[in-house]
Amino acid sequence: MGSSKRWIKDPKAVKGYTILWGDHIGDDPIVTSTWTPPAGITKDSDSQTDDTTTIWLSGGTATAEYDIENVITTAGGLTEVCTITIAVEET
């Protein structure tokens, strides 16, 4: 995928963010998904389906931005990477 997505999050919110991989992997299901959040924002949980990955985040410092990488591997051996940016703002 190699692209990035940007979302806004309140520092007090616990919120989920989902990447839709279907257009990039076709019918080749995701078998592993690894999220790498930096210090300062907390990964509460993550999940995956055959064509989506989701991370639930809490915390973060207002006015900060966090780049979080998601690396997936499919049953057919394809490896893809997407980085999401979470901009933390008081709402």
PDB file of N, CA and C in Angstrom:
ATOM      1  N   MET A   1       0.845  -1.183   0.000  1.00  0.00           N
ATOM      2  CA  MET A   1       0.000   0.000   0.000  1.00  0.00           C
ATOM      3  C   MET A   1       0.884   1.238   0.000  1.00  0.00           C
ATOM      4  N   GLY A   2       1.836   1.293   0.920  1.00  0.00           N
ATOM      5  CA  GLY A   2       2.822   2.343   0.928  1.00  0.00           C
ATOM      6  C   GLY A   2       2.292   3.760   1.106  1.00  0.00           C
ATOM      7  N   SER A   3       1.064   3.903   1.468  1.00  0.00           N
ATOM      8  CA  SER A   3       0.488   5.243   1.590  1.00  0.00           C
ATOM      9  C   SER A   3       0.265   5.577   3.055  1.00  0.00           C
ATOM     10  N   SER A   4      -0.237   6.775   3.278  1.00  0.00           N
ATOM     11  CA  SER A   4      -0.532   7.153   4.659  1.00  0.00           C
ATOM     12  C   SER A   4      -1.919   7.768   4.734  1.00  0.00           C
ATOM     13  N   LYS A   5      -2.486   7.713   5.914  1.00  0.00           N
ATOM     14  CA  LYS A   5      -3.791   8.293   6.195  1.00  0.00           C
ATOM     15  C   LYS A   5      -3.642   9.152   7.440  1.00  0.00           C
ATOM     16  N   ARG A   6      -4.452  10.213   7.542  1.00  0.00           N
ATOM     17  CA  ARG A   6      -4.355  11.117   8.689  1.00  0.00           C
ATOM     18  C   ARG A   6      -5.725  11.253   9.345  1.00  0.00           C
ATOM     19  N   TRP A   7      -5.744  11.087  10.683  1.00  0.00           N
ATOM     20  CA  TRP A   7      -6.962  11.230  11.456  1.00  0.00           C
ATOM     21  C   TRP A   7      -6.706  12.137  12.655  1.00  0.00           C
ATOM     22  N   ILE A   8      -7.802  12.704  13.199  1.00  0.00           N
ATOM     23  CA  ILE A   8      -7.720  13.561  14.383  1.00  0.00           C
ATOM     24  C   ILE A   8      -8.334  12.828  15.566  1.00  0.00           C
ATOM     25  N   LYS A   9      -7.689  12.951  16.727  1.00  0.00           N
ATOM     26  CA  LYS A   9      -8.139  12.289  17.948  1.00  0.00           C
ATOM     27  C   LYS A   9      -8.031  13.248  19.127  1.00  0.00           C
ATOM     28  N   ASP A  10      -9.035  13.278  19.973  1.00  0.00           N
ATOM     29  CA  ASP A  10      -8.981  14.028  21.228  1.00  0.00           C
ATOM     30  C   ASP A  10      -8.100  13.241  22.206  1.00  0.00           C
ATOM     31  N   PRO A  11      -7.279  13.906  23.023  1.00  0.00           N
ATOM     32  CA  PRO A  11      -6.407  13.162  23.947  1.00  0.00           C
ATOM     33  C   PRO A  11      -7.165  12.334  24.985  1.00  0.00           C
ATOM     34  N   LYS A  12      -8.423  12.671  25.257  1.00  0.00           N
ATOM     35  CA  LYS A  12      -9.202  11.914  26.241  1.00  0.00           C
ATOM     36  C   LYS A  12      -9.977  10.754  25.603  1.00  0.00           C
ATOM     37  N   ALA A  13     -10.028  10.714  24.298  1.00  0.00           N
ATOM     38  CA  ALA A  13     -10.817   9.694  23.600  1.00  0.00           C
ATOM     39  C   ALA A  13     -10.060   8.371  23.480  1.00  0.00           C
ATOM     40  N   VAL A  14     -10.821   7.291  23.484  1.00  0.00           N
ATOM     41  CA  VAL A  14     -10.318   5.967  23.102  1.00  0.00           C
ATOM     42  C   VAL A  14     -11.033   5.652  21.801  1.00  0.00           C
ATOM     43  N   LYS A  15     -10.268   5.503  20.743  1.00  0.00           N
ATOM     44  CA  LYS A  15     -10.873   5.476  19.418  1.00  0.00           C
ATOM     45  C   LYS A  15     -10.197   4.441  18.533  1.00  0.00           C
ATOM     46  N   GLY A  16     -10.980   3.839  17.636  1.00  0.00           N
ATOM     47  CA  GLY A  16     -10.465   2.844  16.706  1.00  0.00           C
ATOM     48  C   GLY A  16     -10.246   3.435  15.320  1.00  0.00           C
ATOM     49  N   TYR A  17      -9.209   2.937  14.646  1.00  0.00           N
ATOM     50  CA  TYR A  17      -8.860   3.376  13.291  1.00  0.00           C
ATOM     51  C   TYR A  17      -8.646   2.138  12.442  1.00  0.00           C
ATOM     52  N   THR A  18      -9.319   2.088  11.286  1.00  0.00           N
ATOM     53  CA  THR A  18      -9.312   0.895  10.446  1.00  0.00           C
ATOM     54  C   THR A  18      -8.724   1.191   9.080  1.00  0.00           C
ATOM     55  N   ILE A  19      -7.871   0.281   8.620  1.00  0.00           N
ATOM     56  CA  ILE A  19      -7.335   0.334   7.261  1.00  0.00           C
ATOM     57  C   ILE A  19      -8.026  -0.752   6.454  1.00  0.00           C
ATOM     58  N   LEU A  20      -8.551  -0.372   5.299  1.00  0.00           N
ATOM     59  CA  LEU A  20      -9.183  -1.311   4.374  1.00  0.00           C
ATOM     60  C   LEU A  20      -8.143  -1.704   3.326  1.00  0.00           C
ATOM     61  N   TRP A  21      -7.734  -2.958   3.327  1.00  0.00           N
ATOM     62  CA  TRP A  21      -6.660  -3.440   2.466  1.00  0.00           C
ATOM     63  C   TRP A  21      -7.155  -4.126   1.195  1.00  0.00           C
ATOM     64  N   GLY A  22      -8.453  -4.341   1.047  1.00  0.00           N
ATOM     65  CA  GLY A  22      -9.007  -5.149  -0.030  1.00  0.00           C
ATOM     66  C   GLY A  22      -8.515  -4.797  -1.426  1.00  0.00           C
ATOM     67  N   ASP A  23      -8.442  -3.510  -1.764  1.00  0.00           N
ATOM     68  CA  ASP A  23      -7.997  -3.107  -3.102  1.00  0.00           C
ATOM     69  C   ASP A  23      -6.536  -3.462  -3.351  1.00  0.00           C
ATOM     70  N   HIS A  24      -5.759  -3.641  -2.299  1.00  0.00           N
ATOM     71  CA  HIS A  24      -4.326  -3.897  -2.446  1.00  0.00           C
ATOM     72  C   HIS A  24      -3.960  -5.370  -2.354  1.00  0.00           C
ATOM     73  N   ILE A  25      -4.820  -6.162  -1.709  1.00  0.00           N
ATOM     74  CA  ILE A  25      -4.478  -7.576  -1.527  1.00  0.00           C
ATOM     75  C   ILE A  25      -5.447  -8.519  -2.220  1.00  0.00           C
ATOM     76  N   GLY A  26      -6.521  -7.992  -2.777  1.00  0.00           N
ATOM     77  CA  GLY A  26      -7.492  -8.833  -3.473  1.00  0.00           C
ATOM     78  C   GLY A  26      -8.094  -9.878  -2.558  1.00  0.00           C
ATOM     79  N   ASP A  27      -8.095 -11.131  -3.000  1.00  0.00           N
ATOM     80  CA  ASP A  27      -8.678 -12.232  -2.224  1.00  0.00           C
ATOM     81  C   ASP A  27      -7.652 -12.952  -1.354  1.00  0.00           C
ATOM     82  N   ASP A  28      -6.448 -12.383  -1.220  1.00  0.00           N
ATOM     83  CA  ASP A  28      -5.374 -12.981  -0.430  1.00  0.00           C
ATOM     84  C   ASP A  28      -5.532 -12.515   1.024  1.00  0.00           C
ATOM     85  N   PRO A  29      -6.027 -13.354   1.938  1.00  0.00           N
ATOM     86  CA  PRO A  29      -6.369 -12.891   3.289  1.00  0.00           C
ATOM     87  C   PRO A  29      -5.161 -12.516   4.143  1.00  0.00           C
ATOM     88  N   ILE A  30      -5.377 -11.546   5.019  1.00  0.00           N
ATOM     89  CA  ILE A  30      -4.359 -11.128   5.984  1.00  0.00           C
ATOM     90  C   ILE A  30      -4.211 -12.224   7.042  1.00  0.00           C
ATOM     91  N   VAL A  31      -2.961 -12.615   7.308  1.00  0.00           N
ATOM     92  CA  VAL A  31      -2.718 -13.603   8.366  1.00  0.00           C
ATOM     93  C   VAL A  31      -1.990 -12.994   9.559  1.00  0.00           C
ATOM     94  N   THR A  32      -1.216 -11.933   9.344  1.00  0.00           N
ATOM     95  CA  THR A  32      -0.591 -11.238  10.465  1.00  0.00           C
ATOM     96  C   THR A  32      -0.692  -9.730  10.252  1.00  0.00           C
ATOM     97  N   SER A  33      -0.821  -9.011  11.352  1.00  0.00           N
ATOM     98  CA  SER A  33      -0.867  -7.556  11.344  1.00  0.00           C
ATOM     99  C   SER A  33      -0.096  -7.063  12.562  1.00  0.00           C
ATOM    100  N   THR A  34       0.886  -6.186  12.329  1.00  0.00           N
ATOM    101  CA  THR A  34       1.689  -5.645  13.417  1.00  0.00           C
ATOM    102  C   THR A  34       1.615  -4.123  13.371  1.00  0.00           C
ATOM    103  N   TRP A  35       1.160  -3.532  14.466  1.00  0.00           N
ATOM    104  CA  TRP A  35       1.096  -2.078  14.614  1.00  0.00           C
ATOM    105  C   TRP A  35       2.269  -1.615  15.464  1.00  0.00           C
ATOM    106  N   THR A  36       2.879  -0.478  15.100  1.00  0.00           N
ATOM    107  CA  THR A  36       4.013   0.056  15.853  1.00  0.00           C
ATOM    108  C   THR A  36       3.753   1.511  16.226  1.00  0.00           C
ATOM    109  N   PRO A  37       3.099   1.748  17.369  1.00  0.00           N
ATOM    110  CA  PRO A  37       2.882   3.133  17.807  1.00  0.00           C
ATOM    111  C   PRO A  37       4.125   3.674  18.528  1.00  0.00           C
ATOM    112  N   PRO A  38       4.392   4.970  18.395  1.00  0.00           N
ATOM    113  CA  PRO A  38       5.525   5.560  19.110  1.00  0.00           C
ATOM    114  C   PRO A  38       5.162   5.841  20.573  1.00  0.00           C
ATOM    115  N   ALA A  39       6.177   6.203  21.345  1.00  0.00           N
ATOM    116  CA  ALA A  39       5.939   6.610  22.735  1.00  0.00           C
ATOM    117  C   ALA A  39       5.034   7.840  22.740  1.00  0.00           C
ATOM    118  N   GLY A  40       4.156   7.914  23.738  1.00  0.00           N
ATOM    119  CA  GLY A  40       3.293   9.072  23.896  1.00  0.00           C
ATOM    120  C   GLY A  40       1.840   8.817  23.552  1.00  0.00           C
ATOM    121  N   ILE A  41       1.566   7.746  22.821  1.00  0.00           N
ATOM    122  CA  ILE A  41       0.191   7.347  22.510  1.00  0.00           C
ATOM    123  C   ILE A  41       0.106   5.850  22.795  1.00  0.00           C
ATOM    124  N   THR A  42      -1.042   5.396  23.268  1.00  0.00           N
ATOM    125  CA  THR A  42      -1.158   4.022  23.753  1.00  0.00           C
ATOM    126  C   THR A  42      -2.028   3.171  22.846  1.00  0.00           C
ATOM    127  N   LYS A  43      -1.511   2.009  22.457  1.00  0.00           N
ATOM    128  CA  LYS A  43      -2.317   1.012  21.746  1.00  0.00           C
ATOM    129  C   LYS A  43      -3.064   0.210  22.795  1.00  0.00           C
ATOM    130  N   ASP A  44      -4.396   0.332  22.798  1.00  0.00           N
ATOM    131  CA  ASP A  44      -5.214  -0.426  23.739  1.00  0.00           C
ATOM    132  C   ASP A  44      -5.480  -1.831  23.237  1.00  0.00           C
ATOM    133  N   SER A  45      -5.706  -1.968  21.931  1.00  0.00           N
ATOM    134  CA  SER A  45      -5.922  -3.281  21.333  1.00  0.00           C
ATOM    135  C   SER A  45      -5.820  -3.147  19.821  1.00  0.00           C
ATOM    136  N   ASP A  46      -5.812  -4.298  19.152  1.00  0.00           N
ATOM    137  CA  ASP A  46      -5.863  -4.301  17.693  1.00  0.00           C
ATOM    138  C   ASP A  46      -6.552  -5.577  17.240  1.00  0.00           C
ATOM    139  N   SER A  47      -7.018  -5.560  16.002  1.00  0.00           N
ATOM    140  CA  SER A  47      -7.704  -6.726  15.444  1.00  0.00           C
ATOM    141  C   SER A  47      -7.534  -6.727  13.938  1.00  0.00           C
ATOM    142  N   GLN A  48      -7.938  -7.824  13.334  1.00  0.00           N
ATOM    143  CA  GLN A  48      -7.869  -7.933  11.877  1.00  0.00           C
ATOM    144  C   GLN A  48      -8.968  -8.853  11.369  1.00  0.00           C
ATOM    145  N   THR A  49      -9.324  -8.652  10.113  1.00  0.00           N
ATOM    146  CA  THR A  49     -10.185  -9.573   9.384  1.00  0.00           C
ATOM    147  C   THR A  49      -9.379 -10.004   8.159  1.00  0.00           C
ATOM    148  N   ASP A  50     -10.023 -10.658   7.212  1.00  0.00           N
ATOM    149  CA  ASP A  50      -9.320 -11.069   5.999  1.00  0.00           C
ATOM    150  C   ASP A  50      -8.809  -9.886   5.188  1.00  0.00           C
ATOM    151  N   ASP A  51      -9.471  -8.703   5.310  1.00  0.00           N
ATOM    152  CA  ASP A  51      -9.058  -7.566   4.474  1.00  0.00           C
ATOM    153  C   ASP A  51      -9.019  -6.214   5.193  1.00  0.00           C
ATOM    154  N   THR A  52      -9.098  -6.224   6.538  1.00  0.00           N
ATOM    155  CA  THR A  52      -8.990  -4.975   7.304  1.00  0.00           C
ATOM    156  C   THR A  52      -8.099  -5.176   8.520  1.00  0.00           C
ATOM    157  N   THR A  53      -7.511  -4.075   8.993  1.00  0.00           N
ATOM    158  CA  THR A  53      -6.795  -4.070  10.265  1.00  0.00           C
ATOM    159  C   THR A  53      -7.279  -2.864  11.056  1.00  0.00           C
ATOM    160  N   THR A  54      -7.395  -3.032  12.373  1.00  0.00           N
ATOM    161  CA  THR A  54      -7.890  -1.961  13.229  1.00  0.00           C
ATOM    162  C   THR A  54      -7.002  -1.842  14.454  1.00  0.00           C
ATOM    163  N   ILE A  55      -6.734  -0.592  14.851  1.00  0.00           N
ATOM    164  CA  ILE A  55      -6.019  -0.317  16.095  1.00  0.00           C
ATOM    165  C   ILE A  55      -6.886   0.615  16.933  1.00  0.00           C
ATOM    166  N   TRP A  56      -6.936   0.351  18.242  1.00  0.00           N
ATOM    167  CA  TRP A  56      -7.636   1.210  19.198  1.00  0.00           C
ATOM    168  C   TRP A  56      -6.569   1.949  19.986  1.00  0.00           C
ATOM    169  N   LEU A  57      -6.688   3.289  20.020  1.00  0.00           N
ATOM    170  CA  LEU A  57      -5.690   4.137  20.652  1.00  0.00           C
ATOM    171  C   LEU A  57      -6.300   4.995  21.745  1.00  0.00           C
ATOM    172  N   SER A  58      -5.486   5.266  22.774  1.00  0.00           N
ATOM    173  CA  SER A  58      -5.864   6.215  23.813  1.00  0.00           C
ATOM    174  C   SER A  58      -4.677   7.127  24.081  1.00  0.00           C
ATOM    175  N   GLY A  59      -4.956   8.227  24.794  1.00  0.00           N
ATOM    176  CA  GLY A  59      -3.891   9.142  25.183  1.00  0.00           C
ATOM    177  C   GLY A  59      -3.416  10.018  24.044  1.00  0.00           C
ATOM    178  N   GLY A  60      -2.174  10.407  24.150  1.00  0.00           N
ATOM    179  CA  GLY A  60      -1.593  11.357  23.214  1.00  0.00           C
ATOM    180  C   GLY A  60      -1.586  12.746  23.820  1.00  0.00           C
ATOM    181  N   THR A  61      -0.681  13.567  23.356  1.00  0.00           N
ATOM    182  CA  THR A  61      -0.537  14.932  23.841  1.00  0.00           C
ATOM    183  C   THR A  61      -1.154  15.897  22.841  1.00  0.00           C
ATOM    184  N   ALA A  62      -1.997  16.809  23.335  1.00  0.00           N
ATOM    185  CA  ALA A  62      -2.628  17.793  22.449  1.00  0.00           C
ATOM    186  C   ALA A  62      -1.553  18.536  21.662  1.00  0.00           C
ATOM    187  N   THR A  63      -1.814  18.747  20.402  1.00  0.00           N
ATOM    188  CA  THR A  63      -0.976  19.400  19.381  1.00  0.00           C
ATOM    189  C   THR A  63       0.127  18.499  18.831  1.00  0.00           C
ATOM    190  N   ALA A  64       0.259  17.278  19.350  1.00  0.00           N
ATOM    191  CA  ALA A  64       1.272  16.352  18.826  1.00  0.00           C
ATOM    192  C   ALA A  64       0.690  15.520  17.690  1.00  0.00           C
ATOM    193  N   GLU A  65       1.572  15.033  16.821  1.00  0.00           N
ATOM    194  CA  GLU A  65       1.187  14.093  15.767  1.00  0.00           C
ATOM    195  C   GLU A  65       2.007  12.826  15.945  1.00  0.00           C
ATOM    196  N   TYR A  66       1.355  11.689  15.717  1.00  0.00           N
ATOM    197  CA  TYR A  66       1.990  10.386  15.895  1.00  0.00           C
ATOM    198  C   TYR A  66       1.846   9.578  14.614  1.00  0.00           C
ATOM    199  N   ASP A  67       2.957   9.090  14.077  1.00  0.00           N
ATOM    200  CA  ASP A  67       2.944   8.201  12.918  1.00  0.00           C
ATOM    201  C   ASP A  67       2.978   6.767  13.418  1.00  0.00           C
ATOM    202  N   ILE A  68       1.995   5.989  12.988  1.00  0.00           N
ATOM    203  CA  ILE A  68       1.855   4.615  13.450  1.00  0.00           C
ATOM    204  C   ILE A  68       1.861   3.704  12.233  1.00  0.00           C
ATOM    205  N   GLU A  69       2.832   2.788  12.199  1.00  0.00           N
ATOM    206  CA  GLU A  69       2.997   1.894  11.059  1.00  0.00           C
ATOM    207  C   GLU A  69       2.233   0.594  11.273  1.00  0.00           C
ATOM    208  N   ASN A  70       1.592   0.129  10.211  1.00  0.00           N
ATOM    209  CA  ASN A  70       0.920  -1.171  10.210  1.00  0.00           C
ATOM    210  C   ASN A  70       1.526  -2.012   9.096  1.00  0.00           C
ATOM    211  N   VAL A  71       2.091  -3.156   9.467  1.00  0.00           N
ATOM    212  CA  VAL A  71       2.675  -4.087   8.501  1.00  0.00           C
ATOM    213  C   VAL A  71       1.818  -5.338   8.506  1.00  0.00           C
ATOM    214  N   ILE A  72       1.378  -5.738   7.312  1.00  0.00           N
ATOM    215  CA  ILE A  72       0.587  -6.965   7.204  1.00  0.00           C
ATOM    216  C   ILE A  72       1.321  -7.977   6.329  1.00  0.00           C
ATOM    217  N   THR A  73       0.982  -9.249   6.562  1.00  0.00           N
ATOM    218  CA  THR A  73       1.415 -10.335   5.695  1.00  0.00           C
ATOM    219  C   THR A  73       0.171 -11.130   5.341  1.00  0.00           C
ATOM    220  N   THR A  74       0.082 -11.521   4.083  1.00  0.00           N
ATOM    221  CA  THR A  74      -1.077 -12.287   3.625  1.00  0.00           C
ATOM    222  C   THR A  74      -0.735 -13.772   3.531  1.00  0.00           C
ATOM    223  N   ALA A  75      -1.764 -14.577   3.372  1.00  0.00           N
ATOM    224  CA  ALA A  75      -1.577 -16.023   3.256  1.00  0.00           C
ATOM    225  C   ALA A  75      -0.670 -16.370   2.078  1.00  0.00           C
ATOM    226  N   GLY A  76      -0.718 -15.571   1.029  1.00  0.00           N
ATOM    227  CA  GLY A  76       0.118 -15.807  -0.148  1.00  0.00           C
ATOM    228  C   GLY A  76       1.535 -15.279  -0.017  1.00  0.00           C
ATOM    229  N   GLY A  77       1.886 -14.676   1.134  1.00  0.00           N
ATOM    230  CA  GLY A  77       3.244 -14.204   1.359  1.00  0.00           C
ATOM    231  C   GLY A  77       3.491 -12.747   1.012  1.00  0.00           C
ATOM    232  N   LEU A  78       2.450 -12.014   0.623  1.00  0.00           N
ATOM    233  CA  LEU A  78       2.583 -10.591   0.330  1.00  0.00           C
ATOM    234  C   LEU A  78       2.776  -9.817   1.626  1.00  0.00           C
ATOM    235  N   THR A  79       3.704  -8.862   1.633  1.00  0.00           N
ATOM    236  CA  THR A  79       3.890  -7.967   2.769  1.00  0.00           C
ATOM    237  C   THR A  79       3.585  -6.555   2.306  1.00  0.00           C
ATOM    238  N   GLU A  80       2.722  -5.856   3.051  1.00  0.00           N
ATOM    239  CA  GLU A  80       2.347  -4.481   2.735  1.00  0.00           C
ATOM    240  C   GLU A  80       2.499  -3.628   3.986  1.00  0.00           C
ATOM    241  N   VAL A  81       2.730  -2.321   3.790  1.00  0.00           N
ATOM    242  CA  VAL A  81       2.925  -1.386   4.886  1.00  0.00           C
ATOM    243  C   VAL A  81       2.057  -0.157   4.646  1.00  0.00           C
ATOM    244  N   CYS A  82       1.428   0.337   5.710  1.00  0.00           N
ATOM    245  CA  CYS A  82       0.697   1.600   5.668  1.00  0.00           C
ATOM    246  C   CYS A  82       0.988   2.341   6.958  1.00  0.00           C
ATOM    247  N   THR A  83       1.214   3.640   6.852  1.00  0.00           N
ATOM    248  CA  THR A  83       1.422   4.483   8.026  1.00  0.00           C
ATOM    249  C   THR A  83       0.230   5.407   8.194  1.00  0.00           C
ATOM    250  N   ILE A  84      -0.316   5.430   9.397  1.00  0.00           N
ATOM    251  CA  ILE A  84      -1.381   6.387   9.693  1.00  0.00           C
ATOM    252  C   ILE A  84      -0.804   7.456  10.599  1.00  0.00           C
ATOM    253  N   THR A  85      -1.310   8.659  10.445  1.00  0.00           N
ATOM    254  CA  THR A  85      -0.906   9.769  11.298  1.00  0.00           C
ATOM    255  C   THR A  85      -2.094  10.176  12.147  1.00  0.00           C
ATOM    256  N   ILE A  86      -1.884  10.210  13.452  1.00  0.00           N
ATOM    257  CA  ILE A  86      -2.906  10.632  14.392  1.00  0.00           C
ATOM    258  C   ILE A  86      -2.510  12.007  14.904  1.00  0.00           C
ATOM    259  N   ALA A  87      -3.304  13.004  14.569  1.00  0.00           N
ATOM    260  CA  ALA A  87      -3.105  14.357  15.071  1.00  0.00           C
ATOM    261  C   ALA A  87      -3.980  14.525  16.301  1.00  0.00           C
ATOM    262  N   VAL A  88      -3.370  14.827  17.430  1.00  0.00           N
ATOM    263  CA  VAL A  88      -4.110  14.938  18.683  1.00  0.00           C
ATOM    264  C   VAL A  88      -4.489  16.385  18.911  1.00  0.00           C
ATOM    265  N   GLU A  89      -5.801  16.609  19.030  1.00  0.00           N
ATOM    266  CA  GLU A  89      -6.341  17.957  19.212  1.00  0.00           C
ATOM    267  C   GLU A  89      -7.468  17.917  20.218  1.00  0.00           C
ATOM    268  N   GLU A  90      -7.556  18.915  21.076  1.00  0.00           N
ATOM    269  CA  GLU A  90      -8.690  19.043  21.988  1.00  0.00           C
ATOM    270  C   GLU A  90      -9.926  19.333  21.158  1.00  0.00           C
ATOM    271  N   THR A  91     -10.998  18.556  21.371  1.00  0.00           N
ATOM    272  CA  THR A  91     -12.235  18.804  20.615  1.00  0.00           C
ATOM    273  C   THR A  91     -13.366  19.134  21.552  1.00  0.00           C
TER     274      THR A  91
END
